[in-house]
Amino acid sequence: MAQTGIPFGEITMVKNWLKLEAPVEIPDDTHPKKPILGFECKRSEVSGQRLWGWARRRYITPERFFSRYFIANYCPLLFIEPTGRNRTPDNLPIGQRRPLLKICDLALRQTVELLKPRHVIGVGQFAASRAGQALTGMNVCIGKINHPSPANPRANRGWGKLVEGELSAMGIRL
């Protein structure tokens, strides 16, 4: 997402399937191991290949996919450690994490109020947990699917089929 602004923004999928491409403003302070190259980035991203690849196989066109689904990042920020490793919001120091989660919770609530979905599905445990907390009292079903990351052993054994089973178990017709 840091390269394109698109959640799970694997460059090839964003350009060739979603048909999106635009200039990306490069922040002043970037990590040398994680340069922001925008749509010129040559690095592939497995999570995005899996997610958008599944959407393409299942729904053929972005229009068909987006007539049923909307994907948003709970936290659309990237935190890079001095080593160049990505630090997820749940691993930030508590003094930084609390205000960040408060803002992200509010943004998620506003998104749900605007779009009025029947289901909000967290991609991974962290996203599902935050949705559960942020959307308390709202009339929406909250679920979870496995994250497509290669760090997730279950995702490495047929993520698309796994997710279809998870969605079906939540009563979501594919």
N, C-alpha and C. Protein backbone atom coordinates (compact mmCIF):
# COMPACT_ATOMS: atom_id res chain seq x y z
N MET A 1 0.81 -1.19 0.00
CA MET A 1 0.00 0.00 0.00
C MET A 1 0.86 1.26 0.00
N ALA A 2 2.05 1.16 0.57
CA ALA A 2 2.92 2.33 0.62
C ALA A 2 3.28 2.83 -0.78
N GLN A 3 3.30 1.94 -1.74
CA GLN A 3 3.69 2.33 -3.10
C GLN A 3 2.53 2.94 -3.90
N THR A 4 1.32 2.42 -3.72
CA THR A 4 0.20 2.82 -4.57
C THR A 4 -0.92 3.55 -3.83
N GLY A 5 -0.99 3.40 -2.51
CA GLY A 5 -2.11 3.93 -1.77
C GLY A 5 -3.32 3.00 -1.77
N ILE A 6 -3.20 1.87 -2.43
CA ILE A 6 -4.28 0.89 -2.53
C ILE A 6 -4.02 -0.22 -1.51
N PRO A 7 -5.02 -0.57 -0.70
CA PRO A 7 -4.81 -1.69 0.24
C PRO A 7 -4.37 -2.94 -0.50
N PHE A 8 -3.38 -3.62 0.04
CA PHE A 8 -2.81 -4.81 -0.58
C PHE A 8 -2.38 -4.48 -2.01
N GLY A 9 -1.78 -3.30 -2.18
CA GLY A 9 -1.53 -2.71 -3.48
C GLY A 9 -0.40 -3.28 -4.30
N GLU A 10 -0.42 -4.54 -4.55
CA GLU A 10 0.57 -5.18 -5.41
C GLU A 10 0.54 -4.49 -6.77
N ILE A 11 1.68 -3.97 -7.20
CA ILE A 11 1.77 -3.07 -8.36
C ILE A 11 1.12 -3.65 -9.62
N THR A 12 1.48 -4.86 -9.99
CA THR A 12 0.96 -5.44 -11.23
C THR A 12 -0.55 -5.57 -11.19
N MET A 13 -1.09 -6.02 -10.06
CA MET A 13 -2.54 -6.17 -9.95
C MET A 13 -3.23 -4.81 -9.99
N VAL A 14 -2.66 -3.83 -9.32
CA VAL A 14 -3.27 -2.50 -9.30
C VAL A 14 -3.27 -1.90 -10.71
N LYS A 15 -2.16 -2.04 -11.42
CA LYS A 15 -2.07 -1.48 -12.77
C LYS A 15 -2.89 -2.27 -13.79
N ASN A 16 -2.73 -3.58 -13.78
CA ASN A 16 -3.30 -4.38 -14.86
C ASN A 16 -4.72 -4.86 -14.62
N TRP A 17 -5.09 -5.08 -13.37
CA TRP A 17 -6.47 -5.54 -13.13
C TRP A 17 -7.37 -4.40 -12.65
N LEU A 18 -6.91 -3.66 -11.64
CA LEU A 18 -7.72 -2.54 -11.17
C LEU A 18 -7.68 -1.36 -12.13
N LYS A 19 -6.67 -1.35 -13.00
CA LYS A 19 -6.49 -0.31 -14.01
C LYS A 19 -6.32 1.07 -13.37
N LEU A 20 -5.51 1.10 -12.31
CA LEU A 20 -5.23 2.35 -11.63
C LEU A 20 -3.76 2.68 -11.76
N GLU A 21 -3.48 3.93 -12.01
CA GLU A 21 -2.11 4.40 -11.99
C GLU A 21 -2.16 5.92 -11.89
N ALA A 22 -1.38 6.45 -10.98
CA ALA A 22 -1.36 7.89 -10.76
C ALA A 22 -0.02 8.26 -10.14
N PRO A 23 0.36 9.51 -10.23
CA PRO A 23 1.59 9.94 -9.56
C PRO A 23 1.47 9.72 -8.06
N VAL A 24 2.57 9.33 -7.45
CA VAL A 24 2.62 9.13 -6.00
C VAL A 24 3.64 10.10 -5.44
N GLU A 25 3.20 10.93 -4.52
CA GLU A 25 4.10 11.89 -3.90
C GLU A 25 4.99 11.16 -2.90
N ILE A 26 6.27 11.37 -3.00
CA ILE A 26 7.23 10.69 -2.14
C ILE A 26 7.46 11.52 -0.88
N PRO A 27 7.25 10.91 0.29
CA PRO A 27 7.48 11.64 1.55
C PRO A 27 8.94 12.08 1.67
N ASP A 28 9.17 13.15 2.41
CA ASP A 28 10.53 13.66 2.60
C ASP A 28 11.41 12.67 3.35
N ASP A 29 10.85 12.01 4.34
CA ASP A 29 11.63 11.15 5.24
C ASP A 29 11.31 9.69 4.97
N THR A 30 12.04 9.06 4.08
CA THR A 30 11.81 7.65 3.78
C THR A 30 13.02 6.84 4.22
N HIS A 31 12.77 5.57 4.47
CA HIS A 31 13.84 4.66 4.88
C HIS A 31 14.58 4.18 3.64
N PRO A 32 15.93 4.18 3.65
CA PRO A 32 16.67 3.77 2.46
C PRO A 32 16.40 2.32 2.03
N LYS A 33 16.00 1.47 2.98
CA LYS A 33 15.68 0.08 2.63
C LYS A 33 14.26 -0.09 2.12
N LYS A 34 13.45 0.94 2.26
CA LYS A 34 12.04 0.89 1.83
C LYS A 34 11.70 2.14 1.02
N PRO A 35 12.35 2.35 -0.11
CA PRO A 35 12.06 3.55 -0.90
C PRO A 35 10.64 3.53 -1.45
N ILE A 36 10.04 4.69 -1.54
CA ILE A 36 8.72 4.84 -2.14
C ILE A 36 8.96 5.17 -3.62
N LEU A 37 8.60 4.25 -4.48
CA LEU A 37 8.80 4.41 -5.91
C LEU A 37 7.47 4.53 -6.66
N GLY A 38 6.38 4.45 -5.94
CA GLY A 38 5.06 4.54 -6.58
C GLY A 38 4.87 3.40 -7.56
N PHE A 39 4.30 3.72 -8.69
CA PHE A 39 3.98 2.70 -9.69
C PHE A 39 5.21 2.22 -10.46
N GLU A 40 6.36 2.80 -10.17
CA GLU A 40 7.61 2.33 -10.77
C GLU A 40 8.25 1.22 -9.95
N CYS A 41 7.67 0.91 -8.81
CA CYS A 41 8.21 -0.14 -7.94
C CYS A 41 8.19 -1.48 -8.67
N LYS A 42 9.27 -2.20 -8.61
CA LYS A 42 9.38 -3.50 -9.28
C LYS A 42 9.18 -4.67 -8.32
N ARG A 43 9.10 -4.38 -7.03
CA ARG A 43 8.95 -5.44 -6.03
C ARG A 43 7.50 -5.93 -6.00
N SER A 44 7.34 -7.23 -6.01
CA SER A 44 6.01 -7.82 -5.95
C SER A 44 5.62 -8.03 -4.49
N GLU A 45 4.34 -8.09 -4.23
CA GLU A 45 3.84 -8.22 -2.86
C GLU A 45 2.88 -9.40 -2.82
N VAL A 46 3.26 -10.46 -2.12
CA VAL A 46 2.52 -11.72 -2.12
C VAL A 46 1.10 -11.54 -1.59
N SER A 47 0.94 -10.81 -0.49
CA SER A 47 -0.41 -10.63 0.07
C SER A 47 -1.35 -10.02 -0.96
N GLY A 48 -0.88 -9.01 -1.66
CA GLY A 48 -1.70 -8.37 -2.70
C GLY A 48 -1.95 -9.27 -3.89
N GLN A 49 -0.94 -10.07 -4.27
CA GLN A 49 -1.16 -11.04 -5.35
C GLN A 49 -2.27 -12.00 -4.98
N ARG A 50 -2.23 -12.48 -3.74
CA ARG A 50 -3.25 -13.45 -3.31
C ARG A 50 -4.63 -12.81 -3.24
N LEU A 51 -4.75 -11.67 -2.58
CA LEU A 51 -6.06 -11.05 -2.41
C LEU A 51 -6.66 -10.63 -3.75
N TRP A 52 -5.92 -9.83 -4.51
CA TRP A 52 -6.47 -9.34 -5.78
C TRP A 52 -6.53 -10.45 -6.82
N GLY A 53 -5.62 -11.41 -6.75
CA GLY A 53 -5.68 -12.56 -7.66
C GLY A 53 -6.94 -13.37 -7.43
N TRP A 54 -7.31 -13.57 -6.15
CA TRP A 54 -8.56 -14.27 -5.83
C TRP A 54 -9.74 -13.47 -6.38
N ALA A 55 -9.75 -12.17 -6.14
CA ALA A 55 -10.85 -11.33 -6.62
C ALA A 55 -10.98 -11.42 -8.14
N ARG A 56 -9.87 -11.41 -8.83
CA ARG A 56 -9.89 -11.48 -10.31
C ARG A 56 -10.40 -12.84 -10.78
N ARG A 57 -9.92 -13.92 -10.16
CA ARG A 57 -10.38 -15.27 -10.56
C ARG A 57 -11.87 -15.45 -10.26
N ARG A 58 -12.31 -14.95 -9.13
CA ARG A 58 -13.68 -15.17 -8.68
C ARG A 58 -14.68 -14.26 -9.38
N TYR A 59 -14.31 -12.99 -9.58
CA TYR A 59 -15.26 -12.00 -10.07
C TYR A 59 -14.93 -11.45 -11.46
N ILE A 60 -13.83 -11.86 -12.04
CA ILE A 60 -13.40 -11.52 -13.40
C ILE A 60 -13.05 -10.04 -13.56
N THR A 61 -13.96 -9.15 -13.23
CA THR A 61 -13.71 -7.72 -13.42
C THR A 61 -13.75 -6.98 -12.08
N PRO A 62 -13.02 -5.88 -11.99
CA PRO A 62 -13.10 -5.07 -10.77
C PRO A 62 -14.53 -4.58 -10.50
N GLU A 63 -15.26 -4.27 -11.57
CA GLU A 63 -16.62 -3.77 -11.39
C GLU A 63 -17.50 -4.81 -10.69
N ARG A 64 -17.37 -6.06 -11.08
CA ARG A 64 -18.16 -7.12 -10.43
C ARG A 64 -17.73 -7.30 -8.97
N PHE A 65 -16.42 -7.26 -8.73
CA PHE A 65 -15.93 -7.40 -7.36
C PHE A 65 -16.45 -6.25 -6.48
N PHE A 66 -16.27 -5.02 -6.95
CA PHE A 66 -16.63 -3.86 -6.14
C PHE A 66 -18.13 -3.61 -6.06
N SER A 67 -18.92 -4.31 -6.85
CA SER A 67 -20.37 -4.21 -6.68
C SER A 67 -20.80 -4.91 -5.40
N ARG A 68 -19.92 -5.75 -4.85
CA ARG A 68 -20.23 -6.50 -3.62
C ARG A 68 -19.31 -6.16 -2.45
N TYR A 69 -18.10 -5.69 -2.72
CA TYR A 69 -17.09 -5.54 -1.68
C TYR A 69 -16.44 -4.16 -1.75
N PHE A 70 -15.91 -3.77 -0.60
CA PHE A 70 -15.08 -2.57 -0.49
C PHE A 70 -13.93 -2.93 0.43
N ILE A 71 -12.73 -2.56 0.07
CA ILE A 71 -11.57 -2.88 0.91
C ILE A 71 -10.94 -1.57 1.38
N ALA A 72 -10.74 -1.50 2.68
CA ALA A 72 -10.07 -0.34 3.27
C ALA A 72 -9.07 -0.84 4.30
N ASN A 73 -8.00 -0.11 4.46
CA ASN A 73 -7.04 -0.43 5.52
C ASN A 73 -7.52 0.18 6.83
N TYR A 74 -7.47 -0.60 7.89
CA TYR A 74 -7.78 -0.06 9.20
C TYR A 74 -6.81 1.07 9.53
N CYS A 75 -5.53 0.83 9.30
CA CYS A 75 -4.50 1.84 9.53
C CYS A 75 -3.69 1.99 8.25
N PRO A 76 -3.92 3.06 7.51
CA PRO A 76 -3.25 3.22 6.22
C PRO A 76 -1.85 3.85 6.32
N LEU A 77 -1.17 3.58 7.42
CA LEU A 77 0.16 4.14 7.63
C LEU A 77 1.19 3.02 7.65
N LEU A 78 2.42 3.37 7.34
CA LEU A 78 3.52 2.42 7.34
C LEU A 78 4.55 2.89 8.36
N PHE A 79 4.92 2.00 9.26
CA PHE A 79 5.92 2.30 10.28
C PHE A 79 7.13 1.42 10.01
N ILE A 80 8.28 2.03 9.80
CA ILE A 80 9.49 1.31 9.46
C ILE A 80 10.48 1.42 10.61
N GLU A 81 10.96 0.27 11.05
CA GLU A 81 11.97 0.24 12.11
C GLU A 81 13.33 0.61 11.52
N PRO A 82 14.31 0.94 12.36
CA PRO A 82 15.64 1.30 11.85
C PRO A 82 16.26 0.22 10.95
N THR A 83 15.90 -1.03 11.18
CA THR A 83 16.43 -2.13 10.36
C THR A 83 15.78 -2.20 8.98
N GLY A 84 14.67 -1.46 8.78
CA GLY A 84 13.92 -1.53 7.54
C GLY A 84 12.71 -2.44 7.65
N ARG A 85 12.56 -3.10 8.77
CA ARG A 85 11.42 -4.01 8.99
C ARG A 85 10.15 -3.19 9.23
N ASN A 86 9.03 -3.70 8.72
CA ASN A 86 7.74 -3.07 8.94
C ASN A 86 7.28 -3.33 10.38
N ARG A 87 6.81 -2.30 11.05
CA ARG A 87 6.26 -2.46 12.40
C ARG A 87 4.76 -2.22 12.31
N THR A 88 3.98 -3.20 12.72
CA THR A 88 2.53 -3.08 12.67
C THR A 88 2.03 -2.26 13.85
N PRO A 89 0.86 -1.64 13.71
CA PRO A 89 0.35 -0.77 14.78
C PRO A 89 0.25 -1.46 16.14
N ASP A 90 -0.05 -2.76 16.15
CA ASP A 90 -0.17 -3.45 17.44
C ASP A 90 1.18 -3.61 18.13
N ASN A 91 2.27 -3.35 17.42
CA ASN A 91 3.61 -3.44 18.01
C ASN A 91 4.23 -2.08 18.31
N LEU A 92 3.46 -1.02 18.16
CA LEU A 92 3.96 0.30 18.53
C LEU A 92 3.96 0.45 20.05
N PRO A 93 4.82 1.30 20.58
CA PRO A 93 4.76 1.57 22.03
C PRO A 93 3.37 2.09 22.39
N ILE A 94 2.89 1.74 23.56
CA ILE A 94 1.53 2.04 24.00
C ILE A 94 1.20 3.53 23.90
N GLY A 95 2.16 4.38 24.18
CA GLY A 95 1.93 5.83 24.10
C GLY A 95 1.67 6.31 22.68
N GLN A 96 2.21 5.62 21.70
CA GLN A 96 1.94 5.93 20.29
C GLN A 96 0.72 5.18 19.78
N ARG A 97 0.55 3.96 20.28
CA ARG A 97 -0.52 3.09 19.79
C ARG A 97 -1.91 3.62 20.15
N ARG A 98 -2.11 4.02 21.40
CA ARG A 98 -3.45 4.43 21.85
C ARG A 98 -4.04 5.56 21.00
N PRO A 99 -3.33 6.68 20.82
CA PRO A 99 -3.93 7.75 20.01
C PRO A 99 -4.13 7.33 18.54
N LEU A 100 -3.22 6.52 18.03
CA LEU A 100 -3.37 6.05 16.65
C LEU A 100 -4.62 5.19 16.50
N LEU A 101 -4.82 4.23 17.41
CA LEU A 101 -5.98 3.35 17.33
C LEU A 101 -7.28 4.14 17.49
N LYS A 102 -7.26 5.16 18.32
CA LYS A 102 -8.45 5.99 18.51
C LYS A 102 -8.85 6.66 17.19
N ILE A 103 -7.88 7.19 16.48
CA ILE A 103 -8.14 7.85 15.19
C ILE A 103 -8.59 6.82 14.15
N CYS A 104 -7.92 5.68 14.11
CA CYS A 104 -8.28 4.63 13.14
C CYS A 104 -9.66 4.06 13.43
N ASP A 105 -10.00 3.89 14.72
CA ASP A 105 -11.34 3.43 15.09
C ASP A 105 -12.40 4.41 14.59
N LEU A 106 -12.17 5.68 14.80
CA LEU A 106 -13.11 6.71 14.36
C LEU A 106 -13.27 6.67 12.83
N ALA A 107 -12.17 6.57 12.11
CA ALA A 107 -12.23 6.51 10.64
C ALA A 107 -13.01 5.27 10.19
N LEU A 108 -12.81 4.14 10.86
CA LEU A 108 -13.55 2.93 10.49
C LEU A 108 -15.04 3.13 10.76
N ARG A 109 -15.39 3.68 11.90
CA ARG A 109 -16.81 3.94 12.21
C ARG A 109 -17.44 4.85 11.16
N GLN A 110 -16.72 5.89 10.77
CA GLN A 110 -17.25 6.82 9.77
C GLN A 110 -17.42 6.13 8.41
N THR A 111 -16.49 5.27 8.07
CA THR A 111 -16.59 4.53 6.81
C THR A 111 -17.82 3.63 6.82
N VAL A 112 -18.03 2.94 7.93
CA VAL A 112 -19.19 2.05 8.06
C VAL A 112 -20.49 2.85 8.08
N GLU A 113 -20.50 3.98 8.76
CA GLU A 113 -21.70 4.82 8.76
C GLU A 113 -22.04 5.30 7.34
N LEU A 114 -21.03 5.62 6.57
CA LEU A 114 -21.23 6.12 5.21
C LEU A 114 -21.68 5.00 4.26
N LEU A 115 -20.99 3.85 4.30
CA LEU A 115 -21.26 2.79 3.33
C LEU A 115 -22.38 1.84 3.76
N LYS A 116 -22.66 1.77 5.04
CA LYS A 116 -23.72 0.92 5.59
C LYS A 116 -23.64 -0.54 5.13
N PRO A 117 -22.49 -1.17 5.32
CA PRO A 117 -22.39 -2.58 4.93
C PRO A 117 -23.13 -3.49 5.92
N ARG A 118 -23.47 -4.67 5.46
CA ARG A 118 -24.06 -5.67 6.36
C ARG A 118 -22.96 -6.38 7.14
N HIS A 119 -21.79 -6.53 6.51
CA HIS A 119 -20.67 -7.24 7.12
C HIS A 119 -19.42 -6.37 7.05
N VAL A 120 -18.62 -6.43 8.09
CA VAL A 120 -17.27 -5.88 8.09
C VAL A 120 -16.37 -7.06 8.42
N ILE A 121 -15.46 -7.34 7.52
CA ILE A 121 -14.62 -8.52 7.67
C ILE A 121 -13.17 -8.09 7.80
N GLY A 122 -12.60 -8.39 8.94
CA GLY A 122 -11.20 -8.09 9.15
C GLY A 122 -10.33 -9.09 8.42
N VAL A 123 -9.34 -8.58 7.71
CA VAL A 123 -8.37 -9.45 7.05
C VAL A 123 -7.25 -9.67 8.07
N GLY A 124 -7.36 -10.79 8.78
CA GLY A 124 -6.42 -11.10 9.85
C GLY A 124 -7.01 -10.77 11.21
N GLN A 125 -6.37 -11.30 12.24
CA GLN A 125 -6.87 -11.17 13.60
C GLN A 125 -6.86 -9.73 14.10
N PHE A 126 -5.79 -8.99 13.83
CA PHE A 126 -5.70 -7.62 14.32
C PHE A 126 -6.85 -6.77 13.76
N ALA A 127 -7.07 -6.83 12.45
CA ALA A 127 -8.12 -6.03 11.82
C ALA A 127 -9.50 -6.43 12.35
N ALA A 128 -9.73 -7.72 12.52
CA ALA A 128 -11.02 -8.19 13.04
C ALA A 128 -11.23 -7.72 14.48
N SER A 129 -10.19 -7.80 15.28
CA SER A 129 -10.28 -7.37 16.67
C SER A 129 -10.58 -5.87 16.76
N ARG A 130 -9.87 -5.09 15.96
CA ARG A 130 -10.11 -3.64 15.98
C ARG A 130 -11.51 -3.32 15.50
N ALA A 131 -11.99 -4.01 14.47
CA ALA A 131 -13.36 -3.78 13.99
C ALA A 131 -14.35 -4.08 15.10
N GLY A 132 -14.13 -5.18 15.82
CA GLY A 132 -15.02 -5.53 16.92
C GLY A 132 -15.10 -4.45 17.97
N GLN A 133 -13.96 -3.84 18.28
CA GLN A 133 -13.94 -2.79 19.29
C GLN A 133 -14.49 -1.47 18.74
N ALA A 134 -14.07 -1.12 17.54
CA ALA A 134 -14.45 0.18 16.97
C ALA A 134 -15.93 0.25 16.63
N LEU A 135 -16.53 -0.88 16.27
CA LEU A 135 -17.90 -0.87 15.77
C LEU A 135 -18.93 -1.34 16.80
N THR A 136 -18.53 -1.38 18.05
CA THR A 136 -19.45 -1.78 19.12
C THR A 136 -20.71 -0.92 19.06
N GLY A 137 -21.86 -1.59 19.11
CA GLY A 137 -23.13 -0.88 19.10
C GLY A 137 -23.67 -0.58 17.72
N MET A 138 -22.91 -0.85 16.70
CA MET A 138 -23.38 -0.60 15.33
C MET A 138 -24.06 -1.86 14.80
N ASN A 139 -25.00 -1.67 13.91
CA ASN A 139 -25.76 -2.77 13.34
C ASN A 139 -25.00 -3.36 12.15
N VAL A 140 -23.96 -4.14 12.47
CA VAL A 140 -23.13 -4.74 11.42
C VAL A 140 -22.56 -6.05 11.96
N CYS A 141 -22.51 -7.05 11.10
CA CYS A 141 -21.89 -8.32 11.48
C CYS A 141 -20.39 -8.21 11.25
N ILE A 142 -19.61 -8.63 12.22
CA ILE A 142 -18.16 -8.55 12.11
C ILE A 142 -17.60 -9.95 12.01
N GLY A 143 -16.72 -10.14 11.05
CA GLY A 143 -16.10 -11.44 10.84
C GLY A 143 -14.61 -11.31 10.61
N LYS A 144 -13.98 -12.44 10.34
CA LYS A 144 -12.53 -12.46 10.10
C LYS A 144 -12.22 -13.50 9.03
N ILE A 145 -11.30 -13.13 8.16
CA ILE A 145 -10.71 -14.10 7.24
C ILE A 145 -9.21 -14.12 7.49
N ASN A 146 -8.57 -15.19 7.09
CA ASN A 146 -7.13 -15.30 7.25
C ASN A 146 -6.42 -14.25 6.41
N HIS A 147 -5.36 -13.73 6.96
CA HIS A 147 -4.53 -12.76 6.23
C HIS A 147 -3.77 -13.50 5.14
N PRO A 148 -3.63 -12.89 3.94
CA PRO A 148 -2.94 -13.57 2.85
C PRO A 148 -1.41 -13.55 2.92
N SER A 149 -0.86 -13.06 3.99
CA SER A 149 0.59 -12.94 4.13
C SER A 149 1.29 -14.29 4.06
N PRO A 150 2.45 -14.34 3.43
CA PRO A 150 3.23 -15.58 3.44
C PRO A 150 3.72 -15.94 4.85
N ALA A 151 3.65 -15.00 5.79
CA ALA A 151 4.00 -15.30 7.18
C ALA A 151 2.91 -16.13 7.86
N ASN A 152 1.76 -16.22 7.24
CA ASN A 152 0.65 -17.01 7.76
C ASN A 152 0.69 -18.40 7.11
N PRO A 153 1.06 -19.43 7.86
CA PRO A 153 1.18 -20.77 7.26
C PRO A 153 -0.09 -21.26 6.57
N ARG A 154 -1.26 -20.91 7.11
CA ARG A 154 -2.51 -21.34 6.47
C ARG A 154 -2.70 -20.70 5.11
N ALA A 155 -2.22 -19.48 4.94
CA ALA A 155 -2.36 -18.78 3.66
C ALA A 155 -1.50 -19.41 2.57
N ASN A 156 -0.48 -20.12 2.97
CA ASN A 156 0.44 -20.72 2.00
C ASN A 156 -0.08 -22.03 1.43
N ARG A 157 -1.25 -22.46 1.87
CA ARG A 157 -1.83 -23.72 1.38
C ARG A 157 -3.17 -23.47 0.70
N GLY A 158 -3.21 -22.53 -0.20
CA GLY A 158 -4.44 -22.25 -0.93
C GLY A 158 -5.31 -21.20 -0.26
N TRP A 159 -4.82 -19.97 -0.23
CA TRP A 159 -5.52 -18.90 0.45
C TRP A 159 -6.93 -18.67 -0.11
N GLY A 160 -7.08 -18.66 -1.41
CA GLY A 160 -8.39 -18.40 -2.02
C GLY A 160 -9.45 -19.38 -1.56
N LYS A 161 -9.13 -20.65 -1.59
CA LYS A 161 -10.09 -21.68 -1.16
C LYS A 161 -10.38 -21.54 0.34
N LEU A 162 -9.36 -21.27 1.12
CA LEU A 162 -9.52 -21.07 2.56
C LEU A 162 -10.49 -19.92 2.83
N VAL A 163 -10.30 -18.81 2.17
CA VAL A 163 -11.12 -17.62 2.39
C VAL A 163 -12.55 -17.85 1.91
N GLU A 164 -12.72 -18.54 0.82
CA GLU A 164 -14.08 -18.83 0.36
C GLU A 164 -14.83 -19.64 1.40
N GLY A 165 -14.15 -20.59 2.04
CA GLY A 165 -14.78 -21.35 3.12
C GLY A 165 -15.12 -20.47 4.30
N GLU A 166 -14.22 -19.57 4.65
CA GLU A 166 -14.48 -18.67 5.78
C GLU A 166 -15.65 -17.73 5.49
N LEU A 167 -15.71 -17.19 4.28
CA LEU A 167 -16.81 -16.30 3.92
C LEU A 167 -18.13 -17.07 3.91
N SER A 168 -18.13 -18.26 3.36
CA SER A 168 -19.34 -19.08 3.33
C SER A 168 -19.82 -19.40 4.74
N ALA A 169 -18.88 -19.69 5.64
CA ALA A 169 -19.25 -19.99 7.03
C ALA A 169 -19.89 -18.79 7.72
N MET A 170 -19.61 -17.58 7.24
CA MET A 170 -20.24 -16.37 7.79
C MET A 170 -21.59 -16.08 7.13
N GLY A 171 -21.97 -16.93 6.18
CA GLY A 171 -23.24 -16.72 5.48
C GLY A 171 -23.14 -15.78 4.29
N ILE A 172 -21.93 -15.52 3.84
CA ILE A 172 -21.73 -14.64 2.70
C ILE A 172 -21.72 -15.50 1.43
N ARG A 173 -22.69 -15.25 0.58
CA ARG A 173 -22.79 -16.01 -0.67
C ARG A 173 -21.79 -15.44 -1.67
N LEU A 174 -21.07 -16.33 -2.31
CA LEU A 174 -20.05 -15.88 -3.27
C LEU A 174 -20.57 -15.87 -4.69
